């Protein structure tokens, strides 16, 4: 979760992204080549999933404009919570 929180500030969104990353990890586990560390492989997938988040939001805005995830999260003072 710490890796996600470095990229995504809002905890609920970070949890959702981490869940997505876990699904990617388990579905691609057979592709791990044992060349590098397993931990590094896991972190790379999590980071790439976090970095894909803006593209996911864009796709959601296009296909589902009223979906709650398409609004930019902000705190009470109006500051954006997604880097």
N, C-alpha and C. Protein backbone atom coordinates (compact mmCIF):
# COMPACT_ATOMS: atom_id res chain seq x y z
N UNK A 1 0.83 -1.19 0.00
CA UNK A 1 0.00 0.00 0.00
C UNK A 1 0.88 1.25 0.00
N UNK A 2 2.04 1.19 0.61
CA UNK A 2 2.93 2.34 0.68
C UNK A 2 3.36 2.81 -0.70
N UNK A 3 3.60 1.87 -1.60
CA UNK A 3 4.00 2.25 -2.96
C UNK A 3 2.87 3.02 -3.63
N UNK A 4 1.66 2.55 -3.50
CA UNK A 4 0.50 3.25 -4.09
C UNK A 4 0.34 4.64 -3.49
N UNK A 5 0.50 4.75 -2.19
CA UNK A 5 0.28 6.03 -1.52
C UNK A 5 1.34 7.06 -1.90
N UNK A 6 2.48 6.63 -2.42
CA UNK A 6 3.47 7.60 -2.90
C UNK A 6 3.00 8.28 -4.17
N UNK A 7 2.14 7.62 -4.91
CA UNK A 7 1.65 8.16 -6.17
C UNK A 7 0.22 8.70 -6.07
N UNK A 8 -0.60 8.08 -5.25
CA UNK A 8 -2.00 8.44 -5.11
C UNK A 8 -2.27 8.80 -3.66
N UNK A 9 -2.67 10.02 -3.41
CA UNK A 9 -2.82 10.49 -2.03
C UNK A 9 -4.12 10.00 -1.39
N UNK A 10 -5.18 9.97 -2.15
CA UNK A 10 -6.48 9.60 -1.59
C UNK A 10 -6.50 8.10 -1.26
N UNK A 11 -6.70 7.73 0.02
CA UNK A 11 -6.60 6.32 0.43
C UNK A 11 -7.56 5.39 -0.30
N UNK A 12 -8.79 5.82 -0.54
CA UNK A 12 -9.76 4.95 -1.20
C UNK A 12 -9.35 4.65 -2.63
N UNK A 13 -8.83 5.65 -3.31
CA UNK A 13 -8.37 5.46 -4.69
C UNK A 13 -7.13 4.57 -4.71
N UNK A 14 -6.22 4.78 -3.76
CA UNK A 14 -5.01 3.96 -3.67
C UNK A 14 -5.38 2.49 -3.43
N UNK A 15 -6.37 2.24 -2.59
CA UNK A 15 -6.82 0.87 -2.34
C UNK A 15 -7.37 0.23 -3.61
N UNK A 16 -8.15 1.00 -4.36
CA UNK A 16 -8.73 0.49 -5.60
C UNK A 16 -7.63 0.17 -6.62
N UNK A 17 -6.65 1.04 -6.71
CA UNK A 17 -5.54 0.81 -7.64
C UNK A 17 -4.73 -0.40 -7.20
N UNK A 18 -4.51 -0.54 -5.89
CA UNK A 18 -3.77 -1.70 -5.39
C UNK A 18 -4.52 -2.99 -5.70
N UNK A 19 -5.84 -2.97 -5.57
CA UNK A 19 -6.64 -4.15 -5.93
C UNK A 19 -6.47 -4.50 -7.40
N UNK A 20 -6.48 -3.48 -8.24
CA UNK A 20 -6.27 -3.70 -9.67
C UNK A 20 -4.88 -4.28 -9.93
N UNK A 21 -3.88 -3.74 -9.22
CA UNK A 21 -2.52 -4.25 -9.38
C UNK A 21 -2.43 -5.71 -8.94
N UNK A 22 -3.10 -6.08 -7.84
CA UNK A 22 -3.09 -7.47 -7.39
C UNK A 22 -3.68 -8.39 -8.45
N UNK A 23 -4.76 -7.94 -9.08
CA UNK A 23 -5.37 -8.76 -10.14
C UNK A 23 -4.39 -8.95 -11.30
N UNK A 24 -3.68 -7.88 -11.66
CA UNK A 24 -2.67 -7.98 -12.72
C UNK A 24 -1.56 -8.95 -12.32
N UNK A 25 -1.11 -8.83 -11.07
CA UNK A 25 -0.02 -9.69 -10.57
C UNK A 25 -0.43 -11.16 -10.64
N UNK A 26 -1.61 -11.48 -10.11
CA UNK A 26 -2.02 -12.88 -10.08
C UNK A 26 -2.31 -13.42 -11.48
N UNK A 27 -2.81 -12.56 -12.36
CA UNK A 27 -3.09 -13.06 -13.71
C UNK A 27 -1.81 -13.21 -14.55
N UNK A 28 -0.74 -12.51 -14.19
CA UNK A 28 0.52 -12.58 -14.93
C UNK A 28 1.64 -13.28 -14.16
N UNK A 29 1.30 -13.94 -13.07
CA UNK A 29 2.31 -14.60 -12.24
C UNK A 29 3.15 -15.59 -13.03
N UNK A 30 2.54 -16.25 -13.98
CA UNK A 30 3.27 -17.23 -14.79
C UNK A 30 4.33 -16.58 -15.70
N UNK A 31 4.27 -15.25 -15.88
CA UNK A 31 5.23 -14.58 -16.75
C UNK A 31 6.48 -14.11 -16.00
N UNK A 32 6.49 -14.23 -14.67
CA UNK A 32 7.67 -13.82 -13.90
C UNK A 32 8.84 -14.71 -14.31
N UNK A 33 9.94 -14.06 -14.73
CA UNK A 33 11.04 -14.81 -15.33
C UNK A 33 12.17 -15.17 -14.37
N UNK A 34 12.10 -14.79 -13.12
CA UNK A 34 13.12 -15.08 -12.11
C UNK A 34 14.47 -14.44 -12.41
N UNK A 35 14.50 -13.46 -13.34
CA UNK A 35 15.74 -12.76 -13.63
C UNK A 35 16.10 -11.75 -12.55
N UNK A 36 15.11 -11.07 -12.04
CA UNK A 36 15.32 -10.09 -10.97
C UNK A 36 14.58 -10.53 -9.72
N UNK A 37 14.53 -9.63 -8.75
CA UNK A 37 13.84 -9.98 -7.50
C UNK A 37 12.33 -9.98 -7.71
N UNK A 38 11.67 -10.88 -7.02
CA UNK A 38 10.22 -10.96 -7.09
C UNK A 38 9.60 -9.68 -6.55
N UNK A 39 10.18 -9.14 -5.48
CA UNK A 39 9.68 -7.89 -4.89
C UNK A 39 9.76 -6.74 -5.91
N UNK A 40 10.83 -6.66 -6.63
CA UNK A 40 10.98 -5.63 -7.66
C UNK A 40 9.95 -5.77 -8.76
N UNK A 41 9.67 -7.00 -9.15
CA UNK A 41 8.66 -7.28 -10.17
C UNK A 41 7.28 -6.82 -9.69
N UNK A 42 6.97 -7.14 -8.43
CA UNK A 42 5.69 -6.72 -7.85
C UNK A 42 5.57 -5.20 -7.81
N UNK A 43 6.62 -4.54 -7.32
CA UNK A 43 6.59 -3.08 -7.22
C UNK A 43 6.44 -2.42 -8.58
N UNK A 44 7.10 -2.97 -9.59
CA UNK A 44 7.01 -2.41 -10.93
C UNK A 44 5.57 -2.46 -11.44
N UNK A 45 4.88 -3.55 -11.18
CA UNK A 45 3.48 -3.67 -11.61
C UNK A 45 2.61 -2.67 -10.86
N UNK A 46 2.83 -2.53 -9.55
CA UNK A 46 2.05 -1.58 -8.76
C UNK A 46 2.29 -0.15 -9.24
N UNK A 47 3.53 0.21 -9.46
CA UNK A 47 3.86 1.57 -9.91
C UNK A 47 3.25 1.84 -11.28
N UNK A 48 3.37 0.90 -12.18
CA UNK A 48 2.80 1.10 -13.52
C UNK A 48 1.28 1.22 -13.46
N UNK A 49 0.65 0.49 -12.56
CA UNK A 49 -0.79 0.60 -12.40
C UNK A 49 -1.16 1.99 -11.86
N UNK A 50 -0.37 2.49 -10.93
CA UNK A 50 -0.59 3.85 -10.42
C UNK A 50 -0.42 4.88 -11.52
N UNK A 51 0.60 4.71 -12.33
CA UNK A 51 0.86 5.66 -13.40
C UNK A 51 -0.20 5.59 -14.51
N UNK A 52 -0.86 4.45 -14.64
CA UNK A 52 -1.93 4.31 -15.62
C UNK A 52 -3.24 4.94 -15.15
N UNK A 53 -3.32 5.29 -13.88
CA UNK A 53 -4.56 5.81 -13.32
C UNK A 53 -5.12 7.01 -14.07
N UNK A 54 -4.32 8.02 -14.44
CA UNK A 54 -4.90 9.16 -15.19
C UNK A 54 -5.53 8.73 -16.51
N UNK A 55 -4.96 7.74 -17.19
CA UNK A 55 -5.52 7.26 -18.44
C UNK A 55 -6.84 6.53 -18.19
N UNK A 56 -6.90 5.80 -17.07
CA UNK A 56 -8.13 5.10 -16.69
C UNK A 56 -9.24 6.13 -16.43
N UNK A 57 -8.92 7.19 -15.70
CA UNK A 57 -9.91 8.23 -15.40
C UNK A 57 -10.39 8.88 -16.70
N UNK A 58 -9.47 9.15 -17.62
CA UNK A 58 -9.85 9.74 -18.90
C UNK A 58 -10.83 8.83 -19.64
N UNK A 59 -10.54 7.54 -19.69
CA UNK A 59 -11.42 6.59 -20.36
C UNK A 59 -12.79 6.55 -19.67
N UNK A 60 -12.80 6.62 -18.34
CA UNK A 60 -14.06 6.63 -17.60
C UNK A 60 -14.86 7.89 -17.91
N UNK A 61 -14.18 9.05 -18.03
CA UNK A 61 -14.87 10.30 -18.36
C UNK A 61 -15.52 10.21 -19.72
N UNK A 62 -14.85 9.57 -20.65
CA UNK A 62 -15.38 9.46 -22.00
C UNK A 62 -16.56 8.50 -22.03
N UNK A 63 -16.43 7.35 -21.39
CA UNK A 63 -17.48 6.33 -21.48
C UNK A 63 -18.55 6.45 -20.39
N UNK A 64 -18.21 6.99 -19.21
CA UNK A 64 -19.16 7.12 -18.11
C UNK A 64 -18.98 8.48 -17.43
N UNK A 65 -19.45 9.56 -18.04
CA UNK A 65 -19.16 10.90 -17.50
C UNK A 65 -19.71 11.16 -16.11
N UNK A 66 -20.72 10.43 -15.67
CA UNK A 66 -21.29 10.69 -14.35
C UNK A 66 -20.73 9.79 -13.25
N UNK A 67 -19.76 8.92 -13.59
CA UNK A 67 -19.17 8.01 -12.60
C UNK A 67 -18.38 8.82 -11.57
N UNK A 68 -18.49 8.48 -10.26
CA UNK A 68 -17.82 9.26 -9.22
C UNK A 68 -16.29 9.32 -9.34
N UNK A 69 -15.67 8.33 -9.93
CA UNK A 69 -14.21 8.33 -10.01
C UNK A 69 -13.69 9.34 -11.03
N UNK A 70 -14.57 9.84 -11.89
CA UNK A 70 -14.12 10.77 -12.92
C UNK A 70 -13.94 12.19 -12.41
N UNK A 71 -14.45 12.49 -11.22
CA UNK A 71 -14.20 13.82 -10.66
C UNK A 71 -12.85 13.80 -9.98
N UNK A 72 -12.14 14.93 -10.05
CA UNK A 72 -10.81 15.01 -9.44
C UNK A 72 -10.98 15.11 -7.93
N UNK A 73 -10.45 14.15 -7.17
CA UNK A 73 -10.59 14.18 -5.72
C UNK A 73 -9.89 15.40 -5.13
N UNK A 74 -10.53 16.01 -4.15
CA UNK A 74 -9.91 17.14 -3.47
C UNK A 74 -10.27 17.08 -2.00
N UNK A 75 -9.45 17.74 -1.18
CA UNK A 75 -9.75 17.78 0.24
C UNK A 75 -10.68 18.96 0.50
N UNK A 76 -10.98 19.22 1.77
CA UNK A 76 -11.93 20.27 2.13
C UNK A 76 -11.46 21.67 1.70
N UNK A 77 -10.17 21.87 1.57
CA UNK A 77 -9.65 23.18 1.18
C UNK A 77 -9.59 23.33 -0.34
N UNK A 78 -9.97 22.27 -1.08
CA UNK A 78 -9.98 22.36 -2.53
C UNK A 78 -8.69 21.91 -3.21
N UNK A 79 -7.71 21.43 -2.44
CA UNK A 79 -6.46 20.95 -3.03
C UNK A 79 -6.66 19.58 -3.63
N UNK A 80 -6.06 19.36 -4.79
CA UNK A 80 -6.15 18.06 -5.44
C UNK A 80 -5.45 16.99 -4.61
N UNK A 81 -6.04 15.81 -4.57
CA UNK A 81 -5.45 14.71 -3.79
C UNK A 81 -4.71 13.71 -4.66
N UNK A 82 -4.80 13.84 -5.96
CA UNK A 82 -4.07 12.96 -6.86
C UNK A 82 -2.94 13.74 -7.46
N UNK A 83 -1.73 13.21 -7.38
CA UNK A 83 -0.54 13.90 -7.91
C UNK A 83 -0.58 13.93 -9.40
